[in-house]
Structures are given as structure tokens and as C-alpha cells.
Amino acid sequence: MRDYFVYILSNVSRTLYIGVTSNLEARIDAHKRKMNAGFTRDFNVTMVVYVEQFANPDDAIAREKQLKNWNRAKKIALIERANPEWKDLAADWLTGDASVNPAE
């Protein structure tokens, strides 16, 4: 069975990005390598500060939409409950061998 993930990325200025994926390691690897043009690359938003895991893709997508509709203060409170030091949760995940699918 495949798992699905909602994740929040940040940078040192605490700019936030929320995404959903079924391959968390590959997606984070793509963000960190700045493989795709767009917001995360432009603003260097590459630190994983929050992750939720789901068994159902519809639940993950619904949660992503819910979080995106929250105000900034509520998002920050969620992150700080789970990760008060805003550590990069993926700092030691990547080996450089992740199979990246940018279209995912």
C-alpha cells in the first residue's frame, strides 16, 4: 500500500510552501536540488518543517487544501507544536540517490 504526504517547507526567513506527494523523499530531493522552476526555487524554500502521512490520497489532498486555506499564524502554530526549533526534518534523509519524478 502506498502512503501520501502533506508537507510544509520553509526557508531561513520562514516563507512557507505546502505540498502533497506520494514519494516524499524524491519530492524533497527535487526541492532541495531546485530542479523545478517556481516558488520554492525562487525563494530557496527547501527545509522540511512539517509532515503528515495519509493512507488515502483524497485525505492527503483535502488536508493540503485545508492547510493552504489557514492563515499564516495558524500554520506557524501547527509547525511550532510539532517542530518548535524549525529544524529541517529531511536534513539526513537524502543520499543523493533518490529517484526524482518532477511531474509527480
PDB file of N, CA and C in Angstrom:
ATOM      1  N   MET A   1       0.842  -1.183   0.000  1.00  0.00           N
ATOM      2  CA  MET A   1       0.000   0.000   0.000  1.00  0.00           C
ATOM      3  C   MET A   1       0.888   1.247   0.000  1.00  0.00           C
ATOM      4  N   ARG A   2       0.502   2.225  -0.759  1.00  0.00           N
ATOM      5  CA  ARG A   2       1.248   3.470  -0.906  1.00  0.00           C
ATOM      6  C   ARG A   2       0.786   4.487   0.138  1.00  0.00           C
ATOM      7  N   ASP A   3       1.728   5.277   0.638  1.00  0.00           N
ATOM      8  CA  ASP A   3       1.408   6.354   1.558  1.00  0.00           C
ATOM      9  C   ASP A   3       1.472   7.683   0.827  1.00  0.00           C
ATOM     10  N   TYR A   4       0.778   8.669   1.366  1.00  0.00           N
ATOM     11  CA  TYR A   4       0.725  10.010   0.801  1.00  0.00           C
ATOM     12  C   TYR A   4       1.095  10.997   1.904  1.00  0.00           C
ATOM     13  N   PHE A   5       1.708  12.081   1.515  1.00  0.00           N
ATOM     14  CA  PHE A   5       2.256  13.017   2.488  1.00  0.00           C
ATOM     15  C   PHE A   5       1.871  14.449   2.151  1.00  0.00           C
ATOM     16  N   VAL A   6       1.517  15.186   3.179  1.00  0.00           N
ATOM     17  CA  VAL A   6       1.378  16.634   3.098  1.00  0.00           C
ATOM     18  C   VAL A   6       2.578  17.181   3.847  1.00  0.00           C
ATOM     19  N   TYR A   7       3.242  18.142   3.232  1.00  0.00           N
ATOM     20  CA  TYR A   7       4.453  18.662   3.851  1.00  0.00           C
ATOM     21  C   TYR A   7       4.465  20.187   3.771  1.00  0.00           C
ATOM     22  N   ILE A   8       5.188  20.764   4.725  1.00  0.00           N
ATOM     23  CA  ILE A   8       5.400  22.207   4.723  1.00  0.00           C
ATOM     24  C   ILE A   8       6.896  22.448   4.652  1.00  0.00           C
ATOM     25  N   LEU A   9       7.287  23.265   3.691  1.00  0.00           N
ATOM     26  CA  LEU A   9       8.675  23.685   3.544  1.00  0.00           C
ATOM     27  C   LEU A   9       8.804  25.125   4.004  1.00  0.00           C
ATOM     28  N   SER A  10      10.026  25.484   4.386  1.00  0.00           N
ATOM     29  CA  SER A  10      10.310  26.851   4.787  1.00  0.00           C
ATOM     30  C   SER A  10      11.729  27.205   4.357  1.00  0.00           C
ATOM     31  N   ASN A  11      12.078  28.463   4.548  1.00  0.00           N
ATOM     32  CA  ASN A  11      13.452  28.915   4.362  1.00  0.00           C
ATOM     33  C   ASN A  11      13.868  29.653   5.633  1.00  0.00           C
ATOM     34  N   VAL A  12      15.042  30.255   5.637  1.00  0.00           N
ATOM     35  CA  VAL A  12      15.511  30.930   6.851  1.00  0.00           C
ATOM     36  C   VAL A  12      14.636  32.127   7.207  1.00  0.00           C
ATOM     37  N   SER A  13      13.936  32.690   6.253  1.00  0.00           N
ATOM     38  CA  SER A  13      13.026  33.815   6.511  1.00  0.00           C
ATOM     39  C   SER A  13      11.624  33.346   6.896  1.00  0.00           C
ATOM     40  N   ARG A  14      11.443  32.041   6.961  1.00  0.00           N
ATOM     41  CA  ARG A  14      10.167  31.404   7.315  1.00  0.00           C
ATOM     42  C   ARG A  14       9.063  31.654   6.293  1.00  0.00           C
ATOM     43  N   THR A  15       9.454  31.735   5.034  1.00  0.00           N
ATOM     44  CA  THR A  15       8.489  31.711   3.943  1.00  0.00           C
ATOM     45  C   THR A  15       7.964  30.280   3.877  1.00  0.00           C
ATOM     46  N   LEU A  16       6.665  30.090   3.712  1.00  0.00           N
ATOM     47  CA  LEU A  16       6.069  28.756   3.755  1.00  0.00           C
ATOM     48  C   LEU A  16       5.575  28.290   2.391  1.00  0.00           C
ATOM     49  N   TYR A  17       5.688  26.975   2.187  1.00  0.00           N
ATOM     50  CA  TYR A  17       5.155  26.324   0.996  1.00  0.00           C
ATOM     51  C   TYR A  17       4.526  25.015   1.462  1.00  0.00           C
ATOM     52  N   ILE A  18       3.335  24.713   0.991  1.00  0.00           N
ATOM     53  CA  ILE A  18       2.635  23.478   1.350  1.00  0.00           C
ATOM     54  C   ILE A  18       2.448  22.644   0.098  1.00  0.00           C
ATOM     55  N   GLY A  19       2.776  21.353   0.197  1.00  0.00           N
ATOM     56  CA  GLY A  19       2.632  20.460  -0.940  1.00  0.00           C
ATOM     57  C   GLY A  19       2.133  19.088  -0.521  1.00  0.00           C
ATOM     58  N   VAL A  20       1.820  18.270  -1.525  1.00  0.00           N
ATOM     59  CA  VAL A  20       1.365  16.895  -1.299  1.00  0.00           C
ATOM     60  C   VAL A  20       2.086  16.000  -2.300  1.00  0.00           C
ATOM     61  N   THR A  21       2.409  14.779  -1.872  1.00  0.00           N
ATOM     62  CA  THR A  21       3.127  13.843  -2.736  1.00  0.00           C
ATOM     63  C   THR A  21       2.936  12.415  -2.252  1.00  0.00           C
ATOM     64  N   SER A  22       3.205  11.470  -3.141  1.00  0.00           N
ATOM     65  CA  SER A  22       3.209  10.065  -2.746  1.00  0.00           C
ATOM     66  C   SER A  22       4.643   9.545  -2.607  1.00  0.00           C
ATOM     67  N   ASN A  23       5.621  10.369  -2.945  1.00  0.00           N
ATOM     68  CA  ASN A  23       7.027   9.977  -2.803  1.00  0.00           C
ATOM     69  C   ASN A  23       7.764  11.136  -2.135  1.00  0.00           C
ATOM     70  N   LEU A  24       7.706  11.160  -0.828  1.00  0.00           N
ATOM     71  CA  LEU A  24       8.215  12.303  -0.077  1.00  0.00           C
ATOM     72  C   LEU A  24       9.706  12.524  -0.298  1.00  0.00           C
ATOM     73  N   GLU A  25      10.489  11.475  -0.210  1.00  0.00           N
ATOM     74  CA  GLU A  25      11.936  11.642  -0.350  1.00  0.00           C
ATOM     75  C   GLU A  25      12.303  12.209  -1.718  1.00  0.00           C
ATOM     76  N   ALA A  26      11.704  11.689  -2.768  1.00  0.00           N
ATOM     77  CA  ALA A  26      12.011  12.187  -4.113  1.00  0.00           C
ATOM     78  C   ALA A  26      11.555  13.634  -4.289  1.00  0.00           C
ATOM     79  N   ARG A  27      10.377  13.952  -3.767  1.00  0.00           N
ATOM     80  CA  ARG A  27       9.877  15.316  -3.911  1.00  0.00           C
ATOM     81  C   ARG A  27      10.765  16.307  -3.166  1.00  0.00           C
ATOM     82  N   ILE A  28      11.175  15.941  -1.957  1.00  0.00           N
ATOM     83  CA  ILE A  28      12.039  16.838  -1.184  1.00  0.00           C
ATOM     84  C   ILE A  28      13.396  16.959  -1.859  1.00  0.00           C
ATOM     85  N   ASP A  29      13.887  15.881  -2.394  1.00  0.00           N
ATOM     86  CA  ASP A  29      15.152  15.922  -3.132  1.00  0.00           C
ATOM     87  C   ASP A  29      15.047  16.909  -4.301  1.00  0.00           C
ATOM     88  N   ALA A  30      13.938  16.881  -5.019  1.00  0.00           N
ATOM     89  CA  ALA A  30      13.735  17.800  -6.145  1.00  0.00           C
ATOM     90  C   ALA A  30      13.694  19.250  -5.662  1.00  0.00           C
ATOM     91  N   HIS A  31      13.040  19.495  -4.529  1.00  0.00           N
ATOM     92  CA  HIS A  31      13.012  20.851  -3.975  1.00  0.00           C
ATOM     93  C   HIS A  31      14.416  21.296  -3.578  1.00  0.00           C
ATOM     94  N   LYS A  32      15.142  20.429  -2.882  1.00  0.00           N
ATOM     95  CA  LYS A  32      16.472  20.793  -2.398  1.00  0.00           C
ATOM     96  C   LYS A  32      17.462  21.021  -3.544  1.00  0.00           C
ATOM     97  N   ARG A  33      17.295  20.276  -4.618  1.00  0.00           N
ATOM     98  CA  ARG A  33      18.181  20.448  -5.781  1.00  0.00           C
ATOM     99  C   ARG A  33      17.695  21.555  -6.708  1.00  0.00           C
ATOM    100  N   LYS A  34      16.543  22.140  -6.371  1.00  0.00           N
ATOM    101  CA  LYS A  34      15.954  23.225  -7.173  1.00  0.00           C
ATOM    102  C   LYS A  34      15.752  22.796  -8.630  1.00  0.00           C
ATOM    103  N   MET A  35      15.204  21.602  -8.794  1.00  0.00           N
ATOM    104  CA  MET A  35      15.041  21.004 -10.115  1.00  0.00           C
ATOM    105  C   MET A  35      13.875  21.584 -10.902  1.00  0.00           C
ATOM    106  N   ASN A  36      12.899  22.158 -10.214  1.00  0.00           N
ATOM    107  CA  ASN A  36      11.710  22.667 -10.893  1.00  0.00           C
ATOM    108  C   ASN A  36      11.607  24.173 -10.709  1.00  0.00           C
ATOM    109  N   ALA A  37      11.337  24.869 -11.799  1.00  0.00           N
ATOM    110  CA  ALA A  37      11.147  26.314 -11.718  1.00  0.00           C
ATOM    111  C   ALA A  37       9.917  26.602 -10.875  1.00  0.00           C
ATOM    112  N   GLY A  38       9.958  27.703 -10.163  1.00  0.00           N
ATOM    113  CA  GLY A  38       8.778  28.100  -9.411  1.00  0.00           C
ATOM    114  C   GLY A  38       9.114  28.669  -8.058  1.00  0.00           C
ATOM    115  N   PHE A  39       8.095  28.736  -7.227  1.00  0.00           N
ATOM    116  CA  PHE A  39       8.158  29.411  -5.944  1.00  0.00           C
ATOM    117  C   PHE A  39       9.275  28.898  -5.050  1.00  0.00           C
ATOM    118  N   THR A  40       9.351  27.577  -4.854  1.00  0.00           N
ATOM    119  CA  THR A  40      10.339  27.057  -3.909  1.00  0.00           C
ATOM    120  C   THR A  40      11.764  27.322  -4.369  1.00  0.00           C
ATOM    121  N   ARG A  41      11.996  27.237  -5.651  1.00  0.00           N
ATOM    122  CA  ARG A  41      13.330  27.534  -6.172  1.00  0.00           C
ATOM    123  C   ARG A  41      13.622  29.030  -6.074  1.00  0.00           C
ATOM    124  N   ASP A  42      12.667  29.855  -6.458  1.00  0.00           N
ATOM    125  CA  ASP A  42      12.861  31.302  -6.445  1.00  0.00           C
ATOM    126  C   ASP A  42      13.128  31.852  -5.043  1.00  0.00           C
ATOM    127  N   PHE A  43      12.500  31.255  -4.039  1.00  0.00           N
ATOM    128  CA  PHE A  43      12.621  31.758  -2.675  1.00  0.00           C
ATOM    129  C   PHE A  43      13.455  30.851  -1.767  1.00  0.00           C
ATOM    130  N   ASN A  44      14.138  29.868  -2.349  1.00  0.00           N
ATOM    131  CA  ASN A  44      15.008  28.954  -1.600  1.00  0.00           C
ATOM    132  C   ASN A  44      14.264  28.296  -0.434  1.00  0.00           C
ATOM    133  N   VAL A  45      13.064  27.830  -0.708  1.00  0.00           N
ATOM    134  CA  VAL A  45      12.220  27.185   0.300  1.00  0.00           C
ATOM    135  C   VAL A  45      12.485  25.682   0.212  1.00  0.00           C
ATOM    136  N   THR A  46      13.413  25.198   1.036  1.00  0.00           N
ATOM    137  CA  THR A  46      13.875  23.820   0.899  1.00  0.00           C
ATOM    138  C   THR A  46      13.923  23.045   2.214  1.00  0.00           C
ATOM    139  N   MET A  47      13.613  23.670   3.326  1.00  0.00           N
ATOM    140  CA  MET A  47      13.670  22.978   4.620  1.00  0.00           C
ATOM    141  C   MET A  47      12.309  22.369   4.951  1.00  0.00           C
ATOM    142  N   VAL A  48      12.289  21.080   5.211  1.00  0.00           N
ATOM    143  CA  VAL A  48      11.056  20.404   5.604  1.00  0.00           C
ATOM    144  C   VAL A  48      10.834  20.683   7.087  1.00  0.00           C
ATOM    145  N   VAL A  49       9.757  21.393   7.404  1.00  0.00           N
ATOM    146  CA  VAL A  49       9.500  21.733   8.799  1.00  0.00           C
ATOM    147  C   VAL A  49       8.270  21.027   9.372  1.00  0.00           C
ATOM    148  N   TYR A  50       7.488  20.358   8.497  1.00  0.00           N
ATOM    149  CA  TYR A  50       6.293  19.664   8.971  1.00  0.00           C
ATOM    150  C   TYR A  50       5.878  18.622   7.942  1.00  0.00           C
ATOM    151  N   VAL A  51       5.432  17.449   8.429  1.00  0.00           N
ATOM    152  CA  VAL A  51       4.963  16.375   7.545  1.00  0.00           C
ATOM    153  C   VAL A  51       3.798  15.653   8.209  1.00  0.00           C
ATOM    154  N   GLU A  52       2.786  15.327   7.413  1.00  0.00           N
ATOM    155  CA  GLU A  52       1.698  14.444   7.834  1.00  0.00           C
ATOM    156  C   GLU A  52       1.602  13.311   6.818  1.00  0.00           C
ATOM    157  N   GLN A  53       1.296  12.116   7.289  1.00  0.00           N
ATOM    158  CA  GLN A  53       1.210  10.936   6.429  1.00  0.00           C
ATOM    159  C   GLN A  53      -0.234  10.437   6.366  1.00  0.00           C
ATOM    160  N   PHE A  54      -0.641   9.995   5.178  1.00  0.00           N
ATOM    161  CA  PHE A  54      -2.004   9.512   4.941  1.00  0.00           C
ATOM    162  C   PHE A  54      -1.974   8.221   4.137  1.00  0.00           C
ATOM    163  N   ALA A  55      -2.952   7.367   4.355  1.00  0.00           N
ATOM    164  CA  ALA A  55      -3.085   6.140   3.577  1.00  0.00           C
ATOM    165  C   ALA A  55      -3.922   6.370   2.322  1.00  0.00           C
ATOM    166  N   ASN A  56      -4.738   7.412   2.332  1.00  0.00           N
ATOM    167  CA  ASN A  56      -5.671   7.682   1.246  1.00  0.00           C
ATOM    168  C   ASN A  56      -5.283   8.989   0.549  1.00  0.00           C
ATOM    169  N   PRO A  57      -5.134   8.978  -0.780  1.00  0.00           N
ATOM    170  CA  PRO A  57      -4.737  10.204  -1.477  1.00  0.00           C
ATOM    171  C   PRO A  57      -5.769  11.324  -1.350  1.00  0.00           C
ATOM    172  N   ASP A  58      -7.042  10.990  -1.307  1.00  0.00           N
ATOM    173  CA  ASP A  58      -8.077  12.015  -1.175  1.00  0.00           C
ATOM    174  C   ASP A  58      -7.964  12.745   0.161  1.00  0.00           C
ATOM    175  N   ASP A  59      -7.623  11.994   1.217  1.00  0.00           N
ATOM    176  CA  ASP A  59      -7.442  12.609   2.531  1.00  0.00           C
ATOM    177  C   ASP A  59      -6.246  13.556   2.521  1.00  0.00           C
ATOM    178  N   ALA A  60      -5.163  13.144   1.858  1.00  0.00           N
ATOM    179  CA  ALA A  60      -3.966  13.985   1.781  1.00  0.00           C
ATOM    180  C   ALA A  60      -4.256  15.272   1.011  1.00  0.00           C
ATOM    181  N   ILE A  61      -4.951  15.149  -0.094  1.00  0.00           N
ATOM    182  CA  ILE A  61      -5.282  16.325  -0.904  1.00  0.00           C
ATOM    183  C   ILE A  61      -6.212  17.261  -0.135  1.00  0.00           C
ATOM    184  N   ALA A  62      -7.185  16.696   0.563  1.00  0.00           N
ATOM    185  CA  ALA A  62      -8.102  17.518   1.356  1.00  0.00           C
ATOM    186  C   ALA A  62      -7.346  18.255   2.464  1.00  0.00           C
ATOM    187  N   ARG A  63      -6.400  17.580   3.096  1.00  0.00           N
ATOM    188  CA  ARG A  63      -5.616  18.221   4.163  1.00  0.00           C
ATOM    189  C   ARG A  63      -4.725  19.331   3.594  1.00  0.00           C
ATOM    190  N   GLU A  64      -4.125  19.082   2.420  1.00  0.00           N
ATOM    191  CA  GLU A  64      -3.312  20.115   1.785  1.00  0.00           C
ATOM    192  C   GLU A  64      -4.160  21.363   1.539  1.00  0.00           C
ATOM    193  N   LYS A  65      -5.341  21.177   0.989  1.00  0.00           N
ATOM    194  CA  LYS A  65      -6.233  22.312   0.720  1.00  0.00           C
ATOM    195  C   LYS A  65      -6.626  23.024   2.008  1.00  0.00           C
ATOM    196  N   GLN A  66      -6.899  22.246   3.042  1.00  0.00           N
ATOM    197  CA  GLN A  66      -7.263  22.834   4.327  1.00  0.00           C
ATOM    198  C   GLN A  66      -6.125  23.711   4.859  1.00  0.00           C
ATOM    199  N   LEU A  67      -4.903  23.169   4.863  1.00  0.00           N
ATOM    200  CA  LEU A  67      -3.764  23.926   5.380  1.00  0.00           C
ATOM    201  C   LEU A  67      -3.503  25.178   4.548  1.00  0.00           C
ATOM    202  N   LYS A  68      -3.643  25.076   3.244  1.00  0.00           N
ATOM    203  CA  LYS A  68      -3.420  26.241   2.388  1.00  0.00           C
ATOM    204  C   LYS A  68      -4.426  27.357   2.671  1.00  0.00           C
ATOM    205  N   ASN A  69      -5.603  26.998   3.158  1.00  0.00           N
ATOM    206  CA  ASN A  69      -6.618  27.999   3.476  1.00  0.00           C
ATOM    207  C   ASN A  69      -6.471  28.606   4.864  1.00  0.00           C
ATOM    208  N   TRP A  70      -5.598  28.029   5.687  1.00  0.00           N
ATOM    209  CA  TRP A  70      -5.365  28.591   7.016  1.00  0.00           C
ATOM    210  C   TRP A  70      -4.604  29.899   6.909  1.00  0.00           C
ATOM    211  N   ASN A  71      -4.772  30.763   7.900  1.00  0.00           N
ATOM    212  CA  ASN A  71      -3.956  31.976   7.940  1.00  0.00           C
ATOM    213  C   ASN A  71      -2.539  31.614   8.401  1.00  0.00           C
ATOM    214  N   ARG A  72      -1.625  32.524   8.186  1.00  0.00           N
ATOM    215  CA  ARG A  72      -0.218  32.269   8.490  1.00  0.00           C
ATOM    216  C   ARG A  72       0.004  31.918   9.964  1.00  0.00           C
ATOM    217  N   ALA A  73      -0.655  32.610  10.866  1.00  0.00           N
ATOM    218  CA  ALA A  73      -0.470  32.359  12.301  1.00  0.00           C
ATOM    219  C   ALA A  73      -0.855  30.926  12.667  1.00  0.00           C
ATOM    220  N   LYS A  74      -1.925  30.428  12.090  1.00  0.00           N
ATOM    221  CA  LYS A  74      -2.370  29.064  12.383  1.00  0.00           C
ATOM    222  C   LYS A  74      -1.373  28.040  11.827  1.00  0.00           C
ATOM    223  N   LYS A  75      -0.828  28.293  10.639  1.00  0.00           N
ATOM    224  CA  LYS A  75       0.192  27.410  10.063  1.00  0.00           C
ATOM    225  C   LYS A  75       1.440  27.381  10.941  1.00  0.00           C
ATOM    226  N   ILE A  76       1.863  28.552  11.395  1.00  0.00           N
ATOM    227  CA  ILE A  76       3.055  28.632  12.239  1.00  0.00           C
ATOM    228  C   ILE A  76       2.824  27.900  13.560  1.00  0.00           C
ATOM    229  N   ALA A  77       1.650  28.048  14.140  1.00  0.00           N
ATOM    230  CA  ALA A  77       1.333  27.346  15.388  1.00  0.00           C
ATOM    231  C   ALA A  77       1.398  25.831  15.189  1.00  0.00           C
ATOM    232  N   LEU A  78       0.895  25.335  14.059  1.00  0.00           N
ATOM    233  CA  LEU A  78       0.953  23.907  13.757  1.00  0.00           C
ATOM    234  C   LEU A  78       2.403  23.438  13.676  1.00  0.00           C
ATOM    235  N   ILE A  79       3.224  24.167  12.954  1.00  0.00           N
ATOM    236  CA  ILE A  79       4.640  23.818  12.818  1.00  0.00           C
ATOM    237  C   ILE A  79       5.311  23.832  14.179  1.00  0.00           C
ATOM    238  N   GLU A  80       5.083  24.873  14.952  1.00  0.00           N
ATOM    239  CA  GLU A  80       5.786  25.026  16.228  1.00  0.00           C
ATOM    240  C   GLU A  80       5.366  24.006  17.274  1.00  0.00           C
ATOM    241  N   ARG A  81       4.155  23.474  17.167  1.00  0.00           N
ATOM    242  CA  ARG A  81       3.761  22.383  18.071  1.00  0.00           C
ATOM    243  C   ARG A  81       4.564  21.126  17.771  1.00  0.00           C
ATOM    244  N   ALA A  82       4.781  20.842  16.497  1.00  0.00           N
ATOM    245  CA  ALA A  82       5.472  19.617  16.093  1.00  0.00           C
ATOM    246  C   ALA A  82       6.987  19.788  15.992  1.00  0.00           C
ATOM    247  N   ASN A  83       7.435  20.997  15.670  1.00  0.00           N
ATOM    248  CA  ASN A  83       8.849  21.240  15.379  1.00  0.00           C
ATOM    249  C   ASN A  83       9.223  22.641  15.889  1.00  0.00           C
ATOM    250  N   PRO A  84       9.269  22.823  17.211  1.00  0.00           N
ATOM    251  CA  PRO A  84       9.455  24.160  17.774  1.00  0.00           C
ATOM    252  C   PRO A  84      10.758  24.850  17.374  1.00  0.00           C
ATOM    253  N   GLU A  85      11.762  24.094  17.010  1.00  0.00           N
ATOM    254  CA  GLU A  85      13.042  24.695  16.613  1.00  0.00           C
ATOM    255  C   GLU A  85      13.146  24.908  15.098  1.00  0.00           C
ATOM    256  N   TRP A  86      12.104  24.569  14.366  1.00  0.00           N
ATOM    257  CA  TRP A  86      12.077  24.711  12.914  1.00  0.00           C
ATOM    258  C   TRP A  86      13.280  23.998  12.272  1.00  0.00           C
ATOM    259  N   LYS A  87      13.600  22.820  12.775  1.00  0.00           N
ATOM    260  CA  LYS A  87      14.697  22.038  12.199  1.00  0.00           C
ATOM    261  C   LYS A  87      14.266  21.490  10.851  1.00  0.00           C
ATOM    262  N   ASP A  88      15.232  21.292   9.967  1.00  0.00           N
ATOM    263  CA  ASP A  88      14.964  20.654   8.683  1.00  0.00           C
ATOM    264  C   ASP A  88      14.825  19.158   8.942  1.00  0.00           C
ATOM    265  N   LEU A  89      13.608  18.655   8.892  1.00  0.00           N
ATOM    266  CA  LEU A  89      13.336  17.261   9.202  1.00  0.00           C
ATOM    267  C   LEU A  89      13.943  16.308   8.183  1.00  0.00           C
ATOM    268  N   ALA A  90      14.316  16.824   7.023  1.00  0.00           N
ATOM    269  CA  ALA A  90      14.890  15.990   5.964  1.00  0.00           C
ATOM    270  C   ALA A  90      16.403  16.144   5.859  1.00  0.00           C
ATOM    271  N   ALA A  91      17.018  16.786   6.814  1.00  0.00           N
ATOM    272  CA  ALA A  91      18.454  17.085   6.724  1.00  0.00           C
ATOM    273  C   ALA A  91      19.295  15.827   6.529  1.00  0.00           C
ATOM    274  N   ASP A  92      18.875  14.713   7.113  1.00  0.00           N
ATOM    275  CA  ASP A  92      19.677  13.492   6.976  1.00  0.00           C
ATOM    276  C   ASP A  92      18.965  12.393   6.184  1.00  0.00           C
ATOM    277  N   TRP A  93      17.896  12.728   5.472  1.00  0.00           N
ATOM    278  CA  TRP A  93      17.166  11.738   4.681  1.00  0.00           C
ATOM    279  C   TRP A  93      17.859  11.384   3.395  1.00  0.00           C
ATOM    280  N   LEU A  94      18.405  12.370   2.724  1.00  0.00           N
ATOM    281  CA  LEU A  94      18.771  12.216   1.331  1.00  0.00           C
ATOM    282  C   LEU A  94      20.200  11.705   1.166  1.00  0.00           C
ATOM    283  N   THR A  95      20.321  10.756   0.257  1.00  0.00           N
ATOM    284  CA  THR A  95      21.628  10.167  -0.011  1.00  0.00           C
ATOM    285  C   THR A  95      22.168  10.600  -1.360  1.00  0.00           C
ATOM    286  N   GLY A  96      21.351  11.307  -2.112  1.00  0.00           N
ATOM    287  CA  GLY A  96      21.748  11.689  -3.469  1.00  0.00           C
ATOM    288  C   GLY A  96      21.333  10.670  -4.510  1.00  0.00           C
ATOM    289  N   ASP A  97      20.735   9.563  -4.061  1.00  0.00           N
ATOM    290  CA  ASP A  97      20.331   8.501  -4.979  1.00  0.00           C
ATOM    291  C   ASP A  97      18.820   8.434  -5.181  1.00  0.00           C
ATOM    292  N   ALA A  98      18.101   9.410  -4.663  1.00  0.00           N
ATOM    293  CA  ALA A  98      16.644   9.381  -4.757  1.00  0.00           C
ATOM    294  C   ALA A  98      16.190   9.447  -6.207  1.00  0.00           C
ATOM    295  N   SER A  99      15.195   8.672  -6.525  1.00  0.00           N
ATOM    296  CA  SER A  99      14.614   8.702  -7.861  1.00  0.00           C
ATOM    297  C   SER A  99      13.613   9.840  -7.914  1.00  0.00           C
ATOM    298  N   VAL A 100      13.919  10.864  -8.655  1.00  0.00           N
ATOM    299  CA  VAL A 100      13.100  12.073  -8.677  1.00  0.00           C
ATOM    300  C   VAL A 100      12.170  12.062  -9.871  1.00  0.00           C
ATOM    301  N   ASN A 101      10.905  12.320  -9.598  1.00  0.00           N
ATOM    302  CA  ASN A 101       9.922  12.448 -10.653  1.00  0.00           C
ATOM    303  C   ASN A 101       9.305  13.826 -10.540  1.00  0.00           C
ATOM    304  N   PRO A 102       9.871  14.835 -11.221  1.00  0.00           N
ATOM    305  CA  PRO A 102       9.390  16.208 -11.074  1.00  0.00           C
ATOM    306  C   PRO A 102       7.918  16.388 -11.430  1.00  0.00           C
ATOM    307  N   ALA A 103       7.366  15.520 -12.232  1.00  0.00           N
ATOM    308  CA  ALA A 103       5.977  15.664 -12.649  1.00  0.00           C
ATOM    309  C   ALA A 103       5.014  15.158 -11.596  1.00  0.00           C
ATOM    310  N   GLU A 104       5.511  14.513 -10.573  1.00  0.00           N
ATOM    311  CA  GLU A 104       4.668  13.908  -9.553  1.00  0.00           C
ATOM    312  C   GLU A 104       3.895  14.944  -8.789  1.00  0.00           C
TER     313      GLU A 104
END
